């Protein structure tokens, strides 16, 4: 939701079996898309919008309180906001390429 990753299909979701049971795997295969506003999969029964608010609203279905979901969202937004551009520069993207990708990170601002 923070990065407009519209390539969210079921093969990009996984679980890991731990001593305490199944957990959601760490994030992987995220591809920022500068001009995307919908996910491939729905977030709830009816909605596939790329929306932080929608993610927070549906978090309770996954055992996450609204307050915790808001805190997690703020933490993630800050991490991405503070690092995506530096990371892009580190991988050799030009200023023009970075500006072309900026809309993919618009949720952070």
N, C-alpha and C. Protein backbone atom coordinates (compact mmCIF):
# COMPACT_ATOMS: atom_id res chain seq x y z
N UNK A 1 0.81 -1.19 0.00
CA UNK A 1 0.00 0.00 0.00
C UNK A 1 0.86 1.26 0.00
N UNK A 2 2.02 1.19 0.58
CA UNK A 2 2.89 2.36 0.66
C UNK A 2 3.58 2.59 -0.68
N UNK A 3 3.88 1.52 -1.36
CA UNK A 3 4.48 1.57 -2.69
C UNK A 3 3.45 1.00 -3.63
N UNK A 4 3.15 1.70 -4.71
CA UNK A 4 2.10 1.22 -5.61
C UNK A 4 2.55 -0.03 -6.36
N UNK A 5 2.52 -1.14 -5.66
CA UNK A 5 2.87 -2.44 -6.20
C UNK A 5 1.59 -3.12 -6.68
N UNK A 6 1.33 -3.05 -7.98
CA UNK A 6 0.09 -3.62 -8.52
C UNK A 6 0.23 -5.10 -8.87
N UNK A 7 1.40 -5.66 -8.67
CA UNK A 7 1.69 -7.06 -9.01
C UNK A 7 1.50 -7.96 -7.78
N UNK A 8 0.39 -7.82 -7.13
CA UNK A 8 0.14 -8.54 -5.87
C UNK A 8 -0.73 -9.77 -6.12
N UNK A 9 -0.15 -10.80 -6.65
CA UNK A 9 -0.90 -12.03 -6.91
C UNK A 9 -0.61 -13.05 -5.80
N UNK A 10 -1.33 -14.15 -5.82
CA UNK A 10 -1.22 -15.12 -4.72
C UNK A 10 0.17 -15.73 -4.58
N UNK A 11 0.92 -15.80 -5.64
CA UNK A 11 2.28 -16.35 -5.54
C UNK A 11 3.23 -15.39 -4.82
N UNK A 12 2.78 -14.17 -4.59
CA UNK A 12 3.58 -13.20 -3.84
C UNK A 12 3.17 -13.16 -2.37
N UNK A 13 2.46 -14.17 -1.93
CA UNK A 13 2.06 -14.30 -0.52
C UNK A 13 2.57 -15.66 -0.06
N UNK A 14 3.15 -15.69 1.12
CA UNK A 14 3.67 -16.96 1.61
C UNK A 14 3.64 -16.98 3.13
N UNK A 15 3.68 -18.18 3.67
CA UNK A 15 3.73 -18.38 5.11
C UNK A 15 4.96 -19.21 5.44
N UNK A 16 5.46 -19.03 6.64
CA UNK A 16 6.61 -19.78 7.12
C UNK A 16 6.18 -20.51 8.39
N UNK A 17 6.51 -21.79 8.47
CA UNK A 17 6.19 -22.57 9.65
C UNK A 17 7.31 -22.39 10.68
N UNK A 18 6.95 -21.89 11.84
CA UNK A 18 7.91 -21.70 12.94
C UNK A 18 7.54 -22.63 14.08
N UNK A 19 8.34 -22.63 15.13
CA UNK A 19 8.03 -23.43 16.32
C UNK A 19 6.70 -23.02 16.94
N UNK A 20 6.30 -21.78 16.72
CA UNK A 20 5.05 -21.26 17.30
C UNK A 20 3.87 -21.36 16.35
N UNK A 21 4.09 -21.88 15.15
CA UNK A 21 3.02 -21.99 14.16
C UNK A 21 3.35 -21.20 12.91
N UNK A 22 2.35 -21.04 12.07
CA UNK A 22 2.52 -20.37 10.79
C UNK A 22 2.54 -18.85 10.97
N UNK A 23 3.45 -18.20 10.25
CA UNK A 23 3.50 -16.74 10.24
C UNK A 23 3.59 -16.27 8.79
N UNK A 24 3.19 -15.04 8.56
CA UNK A 24 3.31 -14.45 7.24
C UNK A 24 4.79 -14.21 6.94
N UNK A 25 5.20 -14.53 5.74
CA UNK A 25 6.61 -14.35 5.37
C UNK A 25 6.95 -12.87 5.28
N UNK A 26 8.23 -12.55 5.34
CA UNK A 26 8.64 -11.16 5.11
C UNK A 26 8.25 -10.71 3.70
N UNK A 27 8.16 -9.43 3.52
CA UNK A 27 7.80 -8.83 2.24
C UNK A 27 8.83 -9.19 1.17
N UNK A 28 8.36 -9.53 -0.02
CA UNK A 28 9.26 -9.79 -1.14
C UNK A 28 8.55 -9.51 -2.46
N UNK A 29 9.30 -9.41 -3.54
CA UNK A 29 8.80 -9.20 -4.90
C UNK A 29 7.88 -7.98 -5.00
N UNK A 30 8.36 -6.85 -4.49
CA UNK A 30 7.60 -5.61 -4.55
C UNK A 30 8.14 -4.78 -5.71
N UNK A 31 7.25 -4.39 -6.60
CA UNK A 31 7.63 -3.64 -7.80
C UNK A 31 6.86 -2.32 -7.85
N UNK A 32 7.49 -1.22 -7.49
CA UNK A 32 6.80 0.07 -7.54
C UNK A 32 6.34 0.41 -8.96
N UNK A 33 5.11 0.85 -9.08
CA UNK A 33 4.53 1.26 -10.35
C UNK A 33 4.12 2.73 -10.21
N UNK A 34 4.68 3.63 -11.01
CA UNK A 34 4.40 5.05 -10.81
C UNK A 34 2.93 5.44 -10.96
N UNK A 35 2.17 4.73 -11.78
CA UNK A 35 0.79 5.16 -12.03
C UNK A 35 -0.18 4.01 -11.85
N UNK A 36 -0.23 3.47 -10.66
CA UNK A 36 -1.18 2.42 -10.34
C UNK A 36 -2.02 2.83 -9.15
N UNK A 37 -3.29 2.47 -9.17
CA UNK A 37 -4.13 2.79 -8.01
C UNK A 37 -4.99 1.62 -7.56
N UNK A 38 -4.81 0.47 -8.20
CA UNK A 38 -5.57 -0.71 -7.82
C UNK A 38 -4.65 -1.92 -7.72
N UNK A 39 -4.98 -2.79 -6.78
CA UNK A 39 -4.26 -4.04 -6.60
C UNK A 39 -4.87 -5.12 -7.48
N UNK A 40 -4.14 -6.18 -7.73
CA UNK A 40 -4.69 -7.32 -8.45
C UNK A 40 -5.70 -8.07 -7.60
N UNK A 41 -5.42 -8.14 -6.29
CA UNK A 41 -6.30 -8.83 -5.35
C UNK A 41 -7.03 -7.81 -4.49
N UNK A 42 -8.23 -8.16 -4.07
CA UNK A 42 -8.98 -7.28 -3.18
C UNK A 42 -8.38 -7.27 -1.78
N UNK A 43 -8.54 -6.15 -1.10
CA UNK A 43 -8.13 -6.01 0.29
C UNK A 43 -9.22 -6.56 1.19
N UNK A 44 -10.47 -6.30 0.83
CA UNK A 44 -11.62 -6.89 1.52
C UNK A 44 -12.54 -7.48 0.45
N UNK A 45 -13.77 -7.76 0.79
CA UNK A 45 -14.67 -8.43 -0.16
C UNK A 45 -14.93 -7.63 -1.42
N UNK A 46 -14.82 -6.31 -1.34
CA UNK A 46 -15.24 -5.47 -2.46
C UNK A 46 -14.20 -4.51 -2.99
N UNK A 47 -13.12 -4.29 -2.28
CA UNK A 47 -12.26 -3.15 -2.57
C UNK A 47 -10.82 -3.57 -2.86
N UNK A 48 -10.29 -3.09 -3.99
CA UNK A 48 -8.90 -3.38 -4.33
C UNK A 48 -8.06 -2.11 -4.47
N UNK A 49 -8.54 -1.01 -3.85
CA UNK A 49 -7.79 0.25 -3.92
C UNK A 49 -6.46 0.15 -3.17
N UNK A 50 -5.47 0.85 -3.69
CA UNK A 50 -4.22 1.02 -2.96
C UNK A 50 -4.46 2.17 -2.00
N UNK A 51 -4.68 1.83 -0.73
CA UNK A 51 -5.09 2.83 0.25
C UNK A 51 -4.60 2.44 1.64
N UNK A 52 -3.84 3.33 2.27
CA UNK A 52 -3.39 3.09 3.64
C UNK A 52 -4.59 2.99 4.56
N UNK A 53 -5.57 3.87 4.37
CA UNK A 53 -6.77 3.84 5.22
C UNK A 53 -7.49 2.50 5.12
N UNK A 54 -7.60 1.97 3.92
CA UNK A 54 -8.25 0.67 3.73
C UNK A 54 -7.46 -0.43 4.44
N UNK A 55 -6.15 -0.38 4.35
CA UNK A 55 -5.32 -1.38 5.03
C UNK A 55 -5.53 -1.31 6.54
N UNK A 56 -5.57 -0.10 7.08
CA UNK A 56 -5.78 0.07 8.52
C UNK A 56 -7.16 -0.44 8.92
N UNK A 57 -8.17 -0.12 8.12
CA UNK A 57 -9.54 -0.55 8.43
C UNK A 57 -9.69 -2.07 8.44
N UNK A 58 -8.97 -2.76 7.57
CA UNK A 58 -9.12 -4.22 7.48
C UNK A 58 -8.16 -4.97 8.40
N UNK A 59 -7.25 -4.28 9.04
CA UNK A 59 -6.25 -4.94 9.90
C UNK A 59 -6.87 -5.77 11.00
N UNK A 60 -8.00 -5.32 11.53
CA UNK A 60 -8.65 -6.05 12.63
C UNK A 60 -8.99 -7.48 12.21
N UNK A 61 -9.24 -7.71 10.95
CA UNK A 61 -9.55 -9.06 10.45
C UNK A 61 -8.35 -10.00 10.60
N UNK A 62 -7.18 -9.41 10.76
CA UNK A 62 -5.96 -10.20 10.88
C UNK A 62 -5.40 -10.16 12.29
N UNK A 63 -6.25 -9.75 13.24
CA UNK A 63 -5.86 -9.75 14.64
C UNK A 63 -4.99 -8.57 15.03
N UNK A 64 -5.04 -7.51 14.25
CA UNK A 64 -4.25 -6.30 14.55
C UNK A 64 -5.22 -5.19 14.93
N UNK A 65 -5.02 -4.58 16.07
CA UNK A 65 -5.92 -3.50 16.49
C UNK A 65 -5.75 -2.30 15.56
N UNK A 66 -6.78 -1.47 15.51
CA UNK A 66 -6.71 -0.28 14.67
C UNK A 66 -5.55 0.61 15.10
N UNK A 67 -5.36 0.75 16.40
CA UNK A 67 -4.28 1.57 16.93
C UNK A 67 -2.91 1.04 16.49
N UNK A 68 -2.72 -0.27 16.62
CA UNK A 68 -1.46 -0.87 16.19
C UNK A 68 -1.28 -0.73 14.68
N UNK A 69 -2.35 -0.93 13.92
CA UNK A 69 -2.28 -0.79 12.46
C UNK A 69 -1.87 0.62 12.07
N UNK A 70 -2.42 1.62 12.75
CA UNK A 70 -2.05 3.01 12.47
C UNK A 70 -0.57 3.24 12.79
N UNK A 71 -0.12 2.69 13.91
CA UNK A 71 1.30 2.83 14.28
C UNK A 71 2.20 2.14 13.27
N UNK A 72 1.84 0.92 12.86
CA UNK A 72 2.64 0.20 11.87
C UNK A 72 2.69 0.99 10.56
N UNK A 73 1.54 1.50 10.14
CA UNK A 73 1.48 2.26 8.89
C UNK A 73 2.40 3.48 8.96
N UNK A 74 2.35 4.21 10.06
CA UNK A 74 3.21 5.38 10.21
C UNK A 74 4.69 5.00 10.18
N UNK A 75 5.03 3.91 10.86
CA UNK A 75 6.42 3.44 10.87
C UNK A 75 6.89 3.09 9.46
N UNK A 76 6.06 2.36 8.74
CA UNK A 76 6.41 1.93 7.38
C UNK A 76 6.51 3.14 6.46
N UNK A 77 5.55 4.05 6.56
CA UNK A 77 5.59 5.26 5.73
C UNK A 77 6.88 6.04 5.97
N UNK A 78 7.27 6.17 7.21
CA UNK A 78 8.49 6.91 7.54
C UNK A 78 9.73 6.21 6.99
N UNK A 79 9.79 4.91 7.14
CA UNK A 79 10.95 4.15 6.63
C UNK A 79 11.08 4.33 5.12
N UNK A 80 9.98 4.17 4.41
CA UNK A 80 10.02 4.31 2.95
C UNK A 80 10.34 5.76 2.57
N UNK A 81 9.64 6.71 3.18
CA UNK A 81 9.85 8.14 2.89
C UNK A 81 11.32 8.53 3.09
N UNK A 82 11.93 8.03 4.15
CA UNK A 82 13.31 8.41 4.49
C UNK A 82 14.37 7.66 3.69
N UNK A 83 13.98 6.60 2.99
CA UNK A 83 15.01 5.75 2.38
C UNK A 83 14.87 5.44 0.90
N UNK A 84 13.68 5.57 0.30
CA UNK A 84 13.54 5.09 -1.07
C UNK A 84 14.45 5.84 -2.04
N UNK A 85 14.53 7.14 -1.89
CA UNK A 85 15.32 7.93 -2.83
C UNK A 85 16.82 7.64 -2.67
N UNK A 86 17.28 7.53 -1.43
CA UNK A 86 18.70 7.20 -1.18
C UNK A 86 19.02 5.82 -1.76
N UNK A 87 18.10 4.90 -1.61
CA UNK A 87 18.31 3.55 -2.15
C UNK A 87 18.38 3.59 -3.67
N UNK A 88 17.50 4.36 -4.29
CA UNK A 88 17.52 4.48 -5.75
C UNK A 88 18.85 5.06 -6.24
N UNK A 89 19.33 6.09 -5.56
CA UNK A 89 20.63 6.68 -5.91
C UNK A 89 21.73 5.63 -5.75
N UNK A 90 21.66 4.86 -4.68
CA UNK A 90 22.65 3.82 -4.42
C UNK A 90 22.69 2.76 -5.50
N UNK A 91 21.55 2.54 -6.15
CA UNK A 91 21.50 1.57 -7.25
C UNK A 91 21.78 2.21 -8.60
N UNK A 92 22.13 3.49 -8.59
CA UNK A 92 22.56 4.14 -9.82
C UNK A 92 21.47 4.79 -10.65
N UNK A 93 20.28 4.97 -10.13
CA UNK A 93 19.24 5.65 -10.88
C UNK A 93 19.60 7.12 -11.05
N UNK A 94 19.28 7.66 -12.20
CA UNK A 94 19.53 9.07 -12.45
C UNK A 94 18.43 9.90 -11.80
N UNK A 95 18.67 11.20 -11.69
CA UNK A 95 17.65 12.11 -11.13
C UNK A 95 16.35 11.99 -11.93
N UNK A 96 16.45 11.92 -13.24
CA UNK A 96 15.26 11.79 -14.10
C UNK A 96 14.50 10.50 -13.79
N UNK A 97 15.21 9.39 -13.65
CA UNK A 97 14.57 8.12 -13.33
C UNK A 97 13.89 8.17 -11.96
N UNK A 98 14.54 8.79 -11.01
CA UNK A 98 13.96 8.92 -9.67
C UNK A 98 12.67 9.73 -9.73
N UNK A 99 12.69 10.82 -10.48
CA UNK A 99 11.48 11.65 -10.60
C UNK A 99 10.36 10.90 -11.31
N UNK A 100 10.71 10.04 -12.27
CA UNK A 100 9.71 9.22 -12.95
C UNK A 100 9.06 8.23 -11.98
N UNK A 101 9.83 7.75 -11.01
CA UNK A 101 9.31 6.78 -10.04
C UNK A 101 8.63 7.42 -8.84
N UNK A 102 8.83 8.72 -8.62
CA UNK A 102 8.30 9.39 -7.43
C UNK A 102 6.80 9.14 -7.21
N UNK A 103 5.94 9.15 -8.24
CA UNK A 103 4.52 8.90 -7.98
C UNK A 103 4.23 7.55 -7.32
N UNK A 104 5.12 6.58 -7.49
CA UNK A 104 4.93 5.27 -6.86
C UNK A 104 5.03 5.34 -5.35
N UNK A 105 5.61 6.42 -4.85
CA UNK A 105 5.82 6.59 -3.41
C UNK A 105 4.97 7.73 -2.84
N UNK A 106 3.95 8.14 -3.57
CA UNK A 106 3.16 9.31 -3.17
C UNK A 106 2.44 9.12 -1.83
N UNK A 107 2.14 7.91 -1.44
CA UNK A 107 1.48 7.67 -0.15
C UNK A 107 2.35 8.11 1.02
N UNK A 108 3.64 8.23 0.79
CA UNK A 108 4.58 8.59 1.86
C UNK A 108 4.60 10.07 2.17
N UNK A 109 3.95 10.87 1.34
CA UNK A 109 4.05 12.32 1.50
C UNK A 109 2.70 12.95 1.79
